[in-house]
Amino acid sequence: MDLKVPYSNVTTKDEAFDVACAQITEEYIAKFNVKADVQTDKAAGTIVAKGKGFKLALNFKDDGVELSSEFGLLLRAFKGKVLETVERKLQKYV
């Protein structure tokens, strides 16, 4: 786990999952110049974006969203910026 964002605008993890699904899309990930396939699993409470040298996983818990990431050698320099941007977006909506 790289960071955790507590819920501030929603009350349940299902509600947070629905809001995050609308925000964390393939088009949103493409803003980081990374082509990624976004897979969602509401039953497990996860959103996973995978691309070449890139993986971002959001796990929805009862009290917040846990973000985990893996960056390849070429993208590692952007890890802080990507996590900061996703964290701000989640704080705004969930």
Protein backbone atom coordinates (compact mmCIF):
# COMPACT_ATOMS: atom_id res chain seq x y z
CA MET A 1 0.00 0.00 0.00
CA ASP A 2 1.42 3.35 -1.04
CA LEU A 3 -1.22 5.57 0.54
CA LYS A 4 -4.72 5.63 2.00
CA VAL A 5 -7.49 8.13 1.35
CA PRO A 6 -10.27 8.24 3.97
CA TYR A 7 -13.86 8.77 2.87
CA SER A 8 -15.08 12.35 3.28
CA ASN A 9 -17.90 12.75 0.75
CA VAL A 10 -19.40 9.24 0.87
CA THR A 11 -20.39 6.95 3.71
CA THR A 12 -20.01 3.40 2.39
CA LYS A 13 -17.39 1.57 0.38
CA ASP A 14 -19.99 0.65 -2.28
CA GLU A 15 -20.86 4.29 -2.77
CA ALA A 16 -17.16 5.20 -2.92
CA PHE A 17 -16.55 2.42 -5.47
CA ASP A 18 -19.31 3.73 -7.75
CA VAL A 19 -17.99 7.30 -7.56
CA ALA A 20 -14.40 6.19 -8.19
CA CYS A 21 -15.43 4.05 -11.18
CA ALA A 22 -16.83 7.17 -12.80
CA GLN A 23 -13.58 9.09 -12.16
CA ILE A 24 -10.78 6.54 -12.65
CA THR A 25 -11.20 5.61 -16.31
CA GLU A 26 -8.88 4.62 -19.14
CA GLU A 27 -9.12 8.20 -20.44
CA TYR A 28 -8.07 9.55 -17.03
CA ILE A 29 -5.06 7.19 -16.86
CA ALA A 30 -4.13 8.21 -20.42
CA LYS A 31 -3.44 11.73 -19.10
CA PHE A 32 -0.26 10.28 -17.59
CA ASN A 33 0.89 9.16 -21.07
CA VAL A 34 0.27 5.54 -20.13
CA LYS A 35 -2.07 3.25 -21.99
CA ALA A 36 -3.82 1.12 -19.39
CA ASP A 37 -6.67 -1.33 -19.20
CA VAL A 38 -8.96 -0.54 -16.25
CA GLN A 39 -10.72 -3.50 -14.66
CA THR A 40 -13.33 -3.17 -11.94
CA ASP A 41 -14.63 -5.78 -9.52
CA LYS A 42 -17.41 -4.48 -7.30
CA ALA A 43 -17.73 -7.74 -5.34
CA ALA A 44 -14.06 -7.58 -4.34
CA GLY A 45 -14.08 -3.78 -4.10
CA THR A 46 -11.13 -3.24 -6.44
CA ILE A 47 -10.22 -1.13 -9.43
CA VAL A 48 -7.01 -2.13 -11.21
CA ALA A 49 -5.37 -0.20 -14.04
CA LYS A 50 -2.64 -2.16 -15.85
CA GLY A 51 -0.41 -1.07 -18.66
CA LYS A 52 3.11 -1.65 -19.93
CA GLY A 53 5.35 -1.01 -16.92
CA PHE A 54 2.47 0.33 -14.85
CA LYS A 55 -0.06 -0.97 -12.36
CA LEU A 56 -2.35 1.02 -10.08
CA ALA A 57 -4.72 -0.77 -7.71
CA LEU A 58 -7.46 0.80 -5.61
CA ASN A 59 -8.84 -1.36 -2.81
CA PHE A 60 -11.99 -0.10 -1.13
CA LYS A 61 -12.16 -0.76 2.61
CA ASP A 62 -14.80 0.23 5.17
CA ASP A 63 -12.94 3.41 6.18
CA GLY A 64 -11.09 4.47 3.02
CA VAL A 65 -9.41 3.63 -0.26
CA GLU A 66 -5.96 2.02 -0.28
CA LEU A 67 -3.79 2.76 -3.32
CA SER A 68 -1.01 0.43 -4.40
CA SER A 69 1.21 1.02 -7.40
CA GLU A 70 3.98 -0.57 -9.38
CA PHE A 71 6.01 1.39 -11.89
CA GLY A 72 8.58 0.06 -14.33
CA LEU A 73 12.02 1.58 -14.60
CA LEU A 74 11.05 4.14 -17.25
CA LEU A 75 7.96 5.35 -15.36
CA ARG A 76 9.34 5.26 -11.82
CA ALA A 77 10.24 8.96 -11.92
CA PHE A 78 6.55 9.81 -12.35
CA LYS A 79 5.29 7.71 -9.43
CA GLY A 80 5.02 10.62 -6.97
CA LYS A 81 3.17 12.84 -9.42
CA VAL A 82 0.74 10.10 -10.45
CA LEU A 83 -0.06 9.13 -6.86
CA GLU A 84 -0.47 12.78 -5.84
CA THR A 85 -2.86 13.45 -8.72
CA VAL A 86 -4.97 10.33 -8.07
CA GLU A 87 -5.02 11.10 -4.33
CA ARG A 88 -6.33 14.64 -4.97
CA LYS A 89 -9.04 13.30 -7.29
CA LEU A 90 -10.14 10.69 -4.74
CA GLN A 91 -10.16 13.23 -1.90
CA LYS A 92 -12.39 15.49 -3.98
CA TYR A 93 -14.97 12.80 -4.81
CA VAL A 94 -14.85 10.09 -2.14
